[in-house]
């Protein structure tokens, strides 16, 4: 009788773990996988769009405000943004 009770308790615990997997963990893993895929696709599309813009417009100069991404090419003119000046002031202990 005690063995049956122990088996019943173990089966209940396994049932709870199974439901936790199907209702909580699996959707969470799927959500994270889709989010990572979206991040990769957006980065690829942004890179393709930048290259298409350069090929179509053929600019003489490209003005960037703030940080210039490493992937960008062309005659780039970097202008320090207002936010970067604030960031430097905070980092210097102002």
N, C-alpha and C. Protein backbone atom coordinates (compact mmCIF):
# COMPACT_ATOMS: atom_id res chain seq x y z
N UNK A 1 0.82 -1.19 0.00
CA UNK A 1 0.00 0.00 0.00
C UNK A 1 0.87 1.26 0.00
N UNK A 2 1.92 1.25 0.82
CA UNK A 2 2.81 2.40 0.88
C UNK A 2 3.55 2.54 -0.45
N UNK A 3 3.91 1.41 -1.08
CA UNK A 3 4.60 1.46 -2.36
C UNK A 3 3.71 2.08 -3.43
N UNK A 4 2.42 1.76 -3.39
CA UNK A 4 1.49 2.35 -4.35
C UNK A 4 1.36 3.86 -4.14
N UNK A 5 1.37 4.29 -2.90
CA UNK A 5 1.29 5.71 -2.60
C UNK A 5 2.53 6.44 -3.10
N UNK A 6 3.68 5.82 -2.91
CA UNK A 6 4.93 6.42 -3.39
C UNK A 6 4.93 6.51 -4.91
N UNK A 7 4.50 5.45 -5.58
CA UNK A 7 4.42 5.45 -7.04
C UNK A 7 3.44 6.53 -7.51
N UNK A 8 2.31 6.64 -6.82
CA UNK A 8 1.32 7.66 -7.17
C UNK A 8 1.90 9.05 -7.03
N UNK A 9 2.64 9.31 -5.95
CA UNK A 9 3.26 10.62 -5.73
C UNK A 9 4.30 10.91 -6.81
N UNK A 10 5.11 9.90 -7.15
CA UNK A 10 6.12 10.08 -8.19
C UNK A 10 5.46 10.40 -9.52
N UNK A 11 4.38 9.69 -9.85
CA UNK A 11 3.67 9.96 -11.11
C UNK A 11 3.07 11.36 -11.12
N UNK A 12 2.56 11.81 -9.99
CA UNK A 12 2.01 13.17 -9.91
C UNK A 12 3.11 14.21 -10.13
N UNK A 13 4.27 13.97 -9.52
CA UNK A 13 5.39 14.91 -9.69
C UNK A 13 5.84 14.93 -11.15
N UNK A 14 5.94 13.76 -11.76
CA UNK A 14 6.32 13.70 -13.17
C UNK A 14 5.29 14.38 -14.05
N UNK A 15 4.02 14.24 -13.70
CA UNK A 15 2.96 14.90 -14.45
C UNK A 15 3.09 16.42 -14.35
N UNK A 16 3.40 16.92 -13.16
CA UNK A 16 3.57 18.36 -12.97
C UNK A 16 4.78 18.86 -13.77
N UNK A 17 5.88 18.09 -13.73
CA UNK A 17 7.07 18.47 -14.49
C UNK A 17 6.77 18.49 -15.98
N UNK A 18 6.01 17.50 -16.46
CA UNK A 18 5.65 17.44 -17.88
C UNK A 18 4.82 18.64 -18.28
N UNK A 19 3.83 18.98 -17.48
CA UNK A 19 3.00 20.14 -17.79
C UNK A 19 3.81 21.42 -17.73
N UNK A 20 4.74 21.50 -16.78
CA UNK A 20 5.60 22.68 -16.70
C UNK A 20 6.42 22.80 -17.97
N UNK A 21 6.94 21.68 -18.48
CA UNK A 21 7.71 21.71 -19.71
C UNK A 21 6.86 22.22 -20.87
N UNK A 22 5.67 21.63 -21.05
CA UNK A 22 4.84 21.97 -22.21
C UNK A 22 4.24 23.37 -22.11
N UNK A 23 3.89 23.83 -20.92
CA UNK A 23 3.20 25.11 -20.78
C UNK A 23 4.12 26.29 -20.51
N UNK A 24 5.32 26.04 -19.96
CA UNK A 24 6.20 27.15 -19.59
C UNK A 24 7.51 27.12 -20.36
N UNK A 25 8.25 26.05 -20.24
CA UNK A 25 9.60 26.03 -20.80
C UNK A 25 9.63 25.99 -22.32
N UNK A 26 8.84 25.12 -22.92
CA UNK A 26 8.86 25.02 -24.38
C UNK A 26 8.44 26.32 -25.06
N UNK A 27 7.34 26.97 -24.65
CA UNK A 27 7.03 28.27 -25.27
C UNK A 27 8.12 29.32 -25.05
N UNK A 28 8.77 29.28 -23.89
CA UNK A 28 9.85 30.21 -23.62
C UNK A 28 11.02 29.97 -24.56
N UNK A 29 11.40 28.71 -24.76
CA UNK A 29 12.50 28.40 -25.68
C UNK A 29 12.13 28.79 -27.11
N UNK A 30 10.90 28.55 -27.51
CA UNK A 30 10.46 28.92 -28.86
C UNK A 30 10.50 30.44 -29.02
N UNK A 31 10.04 31.17 -28.01
CA UNK A 31 10.06 32.64 -28.05
C UNK A 31 11.49 33.15 -28.20
N UNK A 32 12.42 32.60 -27.43
CA UNK A 32 13.82 33.04 -27.49
C UNK A 32 14.42 32.72 -28.85
N UNK A 33 14.12 31.54 -29.40
CA UNK A 33 14.65 31.16 -30.70
C UNK A 33 14.13 32.09 -31.79
N UNK A 34 12.85 32.42 -31.76
CA UNK A 34 12.27 33.32 -32.76
C UNK A 34 12.86 34.72 -32.61
N UNK A 35 13.06 35.19 -31.38
CA UNK A 35 13.64 36.50 -31.15
C UNK A 35 15.06 36.57 -31.71
N UNK A 36 15.87 35.53 -31.46
CA UNK A 36 17.23 35.51 -31.99
C UNK A 36 17.22 35.50 -33.51
N UNK A 37 16.31 34.76 -34.10
CA UNK A 37 16.20 34.72 -35.55
C UNK A 37 15.83 36.10 -36.10
N UNK A 38 14.92 36.78 -35.42
CA UNK A 38 14.53 38.14 -35.85
C UNK A 38 15.71 39.09 -35.77
N UNK A 39 16.50 39.00 -34.72
CA UNK A 39 17.67 39.87 -34.58
C UNK A 39 18.64 39.64 -35.73
N UNK A 40 18.88 38.39 -36.08
CA UNK A 40 19.80 38.08 -37.18
C UNK A 40 19.25 38.58 -38.50
N UNK A 41 17.95 38.37 -38.74
CA UNK A 41 17.34 38.80 -40.01
C UNK A 41 17.37 40.32 -40.13
N UNK A 42 17.08 41.03 -39.04
CA UNK A 42 17.10 42.49 -39.08
C UNK A 42 18.51 43.00 -39.36
N UNK A 43 19.51 42.38 -38.76
CA UNK A 43 20.90 42.81 -39.01
C UNK A 43 21.27 42.57 -40.48
N UNK A 44 20.88 41.44 -41.03
CA UNK A 44 21.19 41.16 -42.43
C UNK A 44 20.46 42.13 -43.35
N UNK A 45 19.18 42.39 -43.07
CA UNK A 45 18.42 43.32 -43.90
C UNK A 45 18.99 44.74 -43.82
N UNK A 46 19.43 45.15 -42.63
CA UNK A 46 20.03 46.49 -42.49
C UNK A 46 21.31 46.57 -43.31
N UNK A 47 22.12 45.53 -43.27
CA UNK A 47 23.37 45.52 -44.03
C UNK A 47 23.08 45.55 -45.53
N UNK A 48 22.11 44.75 -45.97
CA UNK A 48 21.77 44.73 -47.40
C UNK A 48 21.19 46.09 -47.83
N UNK A 49 20.39 46.70 -46.97
CA UNK A 49 19.84 48.01 -47.28
C UNK A 49 20.90 49.08 -47.38
N UNK A 50 21.88 49.03 -46.49
CA UNK A 50 22.99 49.99 -46.53
C UNK A 50 23.78 49.84 -47.83
N UNK A 51 24.08 48.61 -48.20
CA UNK A 51 24.82 48.38 -49.45
C UNK A 51 24.01 48.80 -50.67
N UNK A 52 22.70 48.52 -50.66
CA UNK A 52 21.85 48.93 -51.78
C UNK A 52 21.81 50.46 -51.89
N UNK A 53 21.76 51.13 -50.75
CA UNK A 53 21.75 52.59 -50.75
C UNK A 53 23.05 53.13 -51.35
N UNK A 54 24.18 52.56 -50.94
CA UNK A 54 25.47 53.01 -51.48
C UNK A 54 25.56 52.77 -52.98
N UNK A 55 25.08 51.63 -53.42
CA UNK A 55 25.15 51.32 -54.86
C UNK A 55 24.23 52.22 -55.67
N UNK A 56 23.07 52.55 -55.13
CA UNK A 56 22.09 53.33 -55.88
C UNK A 56 22.42 54.82 -55.87
N UNK A 57 22.82 55.33 -54.72
CA UNK A 57 23.04 56.77 -54.58
C UNK A 57 24.46 57.21 -54.92
N UNK A 58 25.42 56.34 -54.72
CA UNK A 58 26.85 56.63 -54.86
C UNK A 58 27.22 57.99 -54.24
N UNK A 59 27.08 58.10 -52.90
CA UNK A 59 27.37 59.39 -52.25
C UNK A 59 28.87 59.69 -52.20
N UNK A 60 29.18 60.98 -52.23
CA UNK A 60 30.58 61.39 -52.09
C UNK A 60 31.03 61.28 -50.64
N UNK A 61 30.13 61.65 -49.74
CA UNK A 61 30.43 61.59 -48.31
C UNK A 61 29.22 61.03 -47.57
N UNK A 62 29.50 60.38 -46.44
CA UNK A 62 28.44 59.86 -45.57
C UNK A 62 28.67 60.45 -44.19
N UNK A 63 27.65 61.11 -43.67
CA UNK A 63 27.77 61.75 -42.36
C UNK A 63 27.15 60.84 -41.31
N UNK A 64 27.93 60.53 -40.29
CA UNK A 64 27.45 59.73 -39.17
C UNK A 64 27.48 60.59 -37.91
N UNK A 65 26.40 60.56 -37.18
CA UNK A 65 26.35 61.22 -35.87
C UNK A 65 26.55 60.15 -34.82
N UNK A 66 27.60 60.29 -34.03
CA UNK A 66 27.87 59.31 -32.99
C UNK A 66 28.80 58.22 -33.47
N UNK A 67 28.55 57.01 -33.00
CA UNK A 67 29.42 55.87 -33.27
C UNK A 67 29.18 55.34 -34.68
N UNK A 68 30.27 55.10 -35.40
CA UNK A 68 30.19 54.55 -36.76
C UNK A 68 30.31 53.03 -36.66
N UNK A 69 29.34 52.29 -37.20
CA UNK A 69 29.44 50.82 -37.19
C UNK A 69 30.65 50.34 -38.00
N UNK A 70 31.22 49.23 -37.60
CA UNK A 70 32.42 48.70 -38.26
C UNK A 70 32.15 48.30 -39.71
N UNK A 71 30.92 47.85 -40.00
CA UNK A 71 30.60 47.35 -41.33
C UNK A 71 30.49 48.45 -42.37
N UNK A 72 30.32 49.68 -41.95
CA UNK A 72 30.07 50.77 -42.89
C UNK A 72 31.33 51.12 -43.66
N UNK A 73 31.13 51.39 -44.94
CA UNK A 73 32.26 51.73 -45.80
C UNK A 73 31.92 53.00 -46.56
N UNK A 74 32.89 53.58 -47.17
CA UNK A 74 32.70 54.80 -47.94
C UNK A 74 33.46 55.94 -47.31
N UNK A 75 33.28 57.12 -47.86
CA UNK A 75 33.92 58.33 -47.35
C UNK A 75 33.08 58.82 -46.17
N UNK A 76 33.42 58.37 -44.97
CA UNK A 76 32.61 58.62 -43.78
C UNK A 76 33.16 59.82 -43.01
N UNK A 77 32.24 60.73 -42.69
CA UNK A 77 32.56 61.88 -41.84
C UNK A 77 31.84 61.65 -40.52
N UNK A 78 32.60 61.57 -39.45
CA UNK A 78 32.00 61.31 -38.14
C UNK A 78 31.84 62.61 -37.38
N UNK A 79 30.62 62.84 -36.90
CA UNK A 79 30.32 64.01 -36.09
C UNK A 79 29.90 63.51 -34.72
N UNK A 80 30.51 64.10 -33.71
CA UNK A 80 30.21 63.67 -32.35
C UNK A 80 28.80 64.11 -31.98
N UNK A 81 27.99 63.17 -31.48
CA UNK A 81 26.61 63.49 -31.11
C UNK A 81 26.56 64.12 -29.73
N UNK A 82 25.43 64.77 -29.44
CA UNK A 82 25.25 65.41 -28.15
C UNK A 82 25.28 64.38 -27.02
N UNK A 83 24.68 63.22 -27.27
CA UNK A 83 24.65 62.17 -26.25
C UNK A 83 26.02 61.65 -25.91
N UNK A 84 26.91 61.56 -26.89
CA UNK A 84 28.26 61.07 -26.61
C UNK A 84 29.03 62.08 -25.76
N UNK A 85 28.76 63.38 -25.96
CA UNK A 85 29.40 64.39 -25.11
C UNK A 85 28.95 64.25 -23.66
N UNK A 86 27.66 63.99 -23.47
CA UNK A 86 27.14 63.76 -22.11
C UNK A 86 27.75 62.51 -21.51
N UNK A 87 27.88 61.47 -22.32
CA UNK A 87 28.46 60.22 -21.84
C UNK A 87 29.89 60.43 -21.39
N UNK A 88 30.67 61.17 -22.14
CA UNK A 88 32.05 61.46 -21.75
C UNK A 88 32.09 62.26 -20.45
N UNK A 89 31.17 63.20 -20.29
CA UNK A 89 31.14 64.00 -19.06
C UNK A 89 30.83 63.13 -17.86
N UNK A 90 29.91 62.19 -18.02
CA UNK A 90 29.56 61.30 -16.92
C UNK A 90 30.73 60.37 -16.59
N UNK A 91 31.39 59.85 -17.63
CA UNK A 91 32.52 58.97 -17.40
C UNK A 91 33.69 59.68 -16.75
N UNK A 92 33.86 60.97 -17.03
CA UNK A 92 34.95 61.74 -16.43
C UNK A 92 34.63 62.22 -15.02
N UNK A 93 33.45 61.86 -14.52
CA UNK A 93 33.11 62.20 -13.13
C UNK A 93 32.50 63.59 -12.98
N UNK A 94 31.87 64.08 -14.00
CA UNK A 94 31.26 65.39 -13.92
C UNK A 94 29.95 65.35 -13.21
